[in-house]
Amino acid sequence: MDWYEVTGEYHARTFEHACRLSSLPTDWQRELAALWRLEGDVNNGGYLQFLTNWGKESYVYASQALKKMGAHTMAEIVDGCQALLDEHVPCEEMSLEELRRLLPNRVIDRQGRQIKDVGSLLPESVIARIYELSYRFMDYPDDVADLGRIHYRAYIEGDGRGRTDG
């Protein structure tokens, strides 16, 4: 079972439903989709990219999943990033468009139009600390793929995924 393929499949199942995690019927499926989002975005652009792309609900499911599977260091990193944000902005109340204002960089949409200028609602020290934590996440102090396969195997196989013939 390829961990990234499996988690990506659950994320893809949300596409027909405006990428809402609530479109998945179970918490464990939502956790897998959130993990795919977390790993993909933090590794691409840091925790702020993850939060601004997917919102706080994805954080809640990803953090929950990391703790359940035993990836405690990774969970602490993610929780630390979110705690810093929660000290400065009401993330839970913000739309994805409003969350974009947390990013320090300029944002361009798919048509090449600038939709956000340089600058963030966050103090520079908070941004720096979130990037520092994001780099710690990228070092993978916990083996998320291995821990995830072990913890979620029965769920995935019961859903018809992860089986191999032979």
Protein backbone atom coordinates (compact mmCIF):
# COMPACT_ATOMS: atom_id res chain seq x y z
CA MET A 1 0.00 0.00 0.00
CA ASP A 2 1.46 3.33 -1.08
CA TRP A 3 0.68 5.82 1.69
CA TYR A 4 0.65 8.90 -0.53
CA GLU A 5 -1.53 7.25 -3.15
CA VAL A 6 -4.06 6.18 -0.52
CA THR A 7 -4.23 9.52 1.28
CA GLY A 8 -4.40 11.29 -2.08
CA GLU A 9 -7.35 9.15 -3.10
CA TYR A 10 -9.37 10.25 -0.06
CA HIS A 11 -8.45 13.86 -0.74
CA ALA A 12 -9.55 13.42 -4.39
CA ARG A 13 -12.92 12.08 -3.25
CA THR A 14 -13.69 15.58 -1.94
CA PHE A 15 -13.24 17.27 -5.34
CA GLU A 16 -16.87 16.84 -6.40
CA HIS A 17 -17.94 18.49 -3.14
CA ALA A 18 -15.91 21.72 -3.18
CA CYS A 19 -13.10 19.88 -1.35
CA ARG A 20 -15.16 19.72 1.86
CA LEU A 21 -13.89 17.09 4.28
CA SER A 22 -17.46 16.72 5.52
CA SER A 23 -18.27 15.10 2.17
CA LEU A 24 -16.37 12.01 3.36
CA PRO A 25 -18.55 9.68 5.46
CA THR A 26 -16.10 8.85 8.27
CA ASP A 27 -13.60 10.65 10.46
CA TRP A 28 -10.78 8.30 9.45
CA GLN A 29 -11.32 9.17 5.77
CA ARG A 30 -11.32 12.87 6.64
CA GLU A 31 -8.10 12.35 8.60
CA LEU A 32 -6.40 10.69 5.62
CA ALA A 33 -7.47 13.47 3.26
CA ALA A 34 -6.28 16.10 5.76
CA LEU A 35 -2.92 14.33 6.11
CA TRP A 36 -2.45 14.40 2.35
CA ARG A 37 -3.20 18.14 2.37
CA LEU A 38 -0.89 18.76 5.32
CA GLU A 39 2.08 16.88 3.94
CA GLY A 40 1.69 18.22 0.42
CA ASP A 41 1.32 21.86 1.37
CA VAL A 42 3.76 22.07 4.28
CA ASN A 43 6.42 20.40 2.16
CA ASN A 44 5.67 22.78 -0.72
CA GLY A 45 5.26 26.11 1.03
CA GLY A 46 5.04 25.70 4.79
CA TYR A 47 2.25 25.59 7.32
CA LEU A 48 0.76 28.91 6.24
CA GLN A 49 0.21 27.51 2.75
CA PHE A 50 -1.59 24.51 4.22
CA LEU A 51 -3.86 26.61 6.42
CA THR A 52 -4.67 29.19 3.75
CA ASN A 53 -5.47 26.50 1.19
CA TRP A 54 -7.59 24.24 3.38
CA GLY A 55 -8.68 26.07 6.53
CA LYS A 56 -8.72 25.15 10.18
CA GLU A 57 -10.94 22.07 9.77
CA SER A 58 -8.15 20.34 7.82
CA TYR A 59 -5.73 21.23 10.62
CA VAL A 60 -8.07 19.67 13.22
CA TYR A 61 -8.32 16.38 11.32
CA ALA A 62 -4.61 16.27 10.46
CA SER A 63 -3.54 16.94 14.05
CA GLN A 64 -6.00 14.33 15.32
CA ALA A 65 -4.63 11.80 12.84
CA LEU A 66 -0.99 12.43 13.74
CA LYS A 67 -1.79 11.87 17.41
CA LYS A 68 -3.81 8.70 16.76
CA MET A 69 -1.04 7.13 14.68
CA GLY A 70 1.69 8.02 17.17
CA ALA A 71 3.42 10.79 15.19
CA HIS A 72 3.61 12.91 18.34
CA THR A 73 6.53 15.13 17.33
CA MET A 74 4.85 16.01 14.04
CA ALA A 75 1.59 16.71 15.91
CA GLU A 76 3.44 19.03 18.33
CA ILE A 77 4.94 20.93 15.39
CA VAL A 78 1.58 21.38 13.68
CA ASP A 79 -0.14 22.28 16.94
CA GLY A 80 2.62 24.81 17.63
CA CYS A 81 2.07 26.49 14.27
CA GLN A 82 -1.66 26.67 14.81
CA ALA A 83 -1.29 27.97 18.38
CA LEU A 84 0.87 30.84 17.11
CA LEU A 85 -1.79 31.73 14.57
CA ASP A 86 -4.64 31.44 17.07
CA GLU A 87 -2.85 33.95 19.33
CA HIS A 88 -2.96 36.57 16.58
CA VAL A 89 -5.99 35.93 14.37
CA PRO A 90 -9.40 34.23 14.66
CA CYS A 91 -8.60 31.52 12.07
CA GLU A 92 -11.76 29.56 12.75
CA GLU A 93 -13.92 32.53 11.80
CA MET A 94 -11.96 33.41 8.66
CA SER A 95 -12.83 32.37 5.12
CA LEU A 96 -10.13 30.96 2.86
CA GLU A 97 -9.91 34.36 1.15
CA GLU A 98 -9.39 36.08 4.49
CA LEU A 99 -6.82 33.46 5.54
CA ARG A 100 -4.77 34.33 2.46
CA ARG A 101 -3.99 37.66 4.11
CA LEU A 102 -1.78 35.71 6.53
CA LEU A 103 0.67 34.81 3.76
CA PRO A 104 3.63 37.18 3.56
CA ASN A 105 4.05 36.78 -0.19
CA ARG A 106 2.14 37.94 -3.22
CA VAL A 107 -0.53 35.47 -4.44
CA ILE A 108 -1.35 34.90 -8.11
CA ASP A 109 -4.51 33.07 -9.23
CA ARG A 110 -4.69 30.41 -11.97
CA GLN A 111 -5.32 33.07 -14.61
CA GLY A 112 -2.10 34.88 -13.67
CA ARG A 113 -3.83 37.74 -11.86
CA GLN A 114 -2.47 39.04 -8.59
CA ILE A 115 -5.09 38.46 -5.89
CA LYS A 116 -2.99 39.44 -2.88
CA ASP A 117 -0.09 41.85 -2.51
CA VAL A 118 3.04 41.33 -0.42
CA GLY A 119 2.43 41.64 3.32
CA SER A 120 0.79 39.72 6.13
CA LEU A 121 -1.58 40.36 9.01
CA LEU A 122 0.94 38.52 11.17
CA PRO A 123 4.01 40.01 12.84
CA GLU A 124 7.29 39.10 11.14
CA SER A 125 8.43 37.19 14.24
CA VAL A 126 5.38 34.91 14.06
CA ILE A 127 5.91 34.24 10.36
CA ALA A 128 9.57 33.42 11.01
CA ARG A 129 8.67 30.99 13.81
CA ILE A 130 6.02 29.26 11.68
CA TYR A 131 8.55 28.80 8.88
CA GLU A 132 11.07 27.45 11.38
CA LEU A 133 8.49 24.91 12.60
CA SER A 134 7.55 24.09 9.01
CA TYR A 135 11.18 23.19 8.26
CA ARG A 136 11.20 20.92 11.32
CA PHE A 137 8.09 19.23 9.92
CA MET A 138 9.85 18.76 6.57
CA ASP A 139 12.63 16.87 8.36
CA TYR A 140 10.05 14.19 9.29
CA PRO A 141 10.98 13.49 12.91
CA ASP A 142 8.25 10.80 12.78
CA ASP A 143 7.79 8.30 9.96
CA VAL A 144 4.28 9.40 9.04
CA ALA A 145 3.91 6.96 6.14
CA ASP A 146 4.90 3.93 8.20
CA LEU A 147 2.89 4.96 11.26
CA GLY A 148 -0.08 5.78 9.04
CA ARG A 149 0.01 2.45 7.23
CA ILE A 150 0.07 0.62 10.56
CA HIS A 151 -2.70 2.64 12.20
CA TYR A 152 -5.07 2.94 9.23
CA ARG A 153 -4.45 -0.42 7.50
CA ALA A 154 -7.62 -2.13 8.76
CA TYR A 155 -9.77 0.88 7.85
CA ILE A 156 -8.26 1.17 4.38
CA GLU A 157 -8.50 -2.55 3.64
CA GLY A 158 -12.08 -2.60 4.92
CA ASP A 159 -12.85 0.19 2.45
CA GLY A 160 -11.50 -1.94 -0.43
CA ARG A 161 -8.21 -0.02 -0.64
CA GLY A 162 -4.70 -1.20 0.06
CA ARG A 163 -5.24 -4.80 -0.92
CA THR A 164 -2.84 -6.57 -3.17
CA ASP A 165 -3.54 -9.80 -5.00
CA GLY A 166 -0.89 -12.43 -4.78
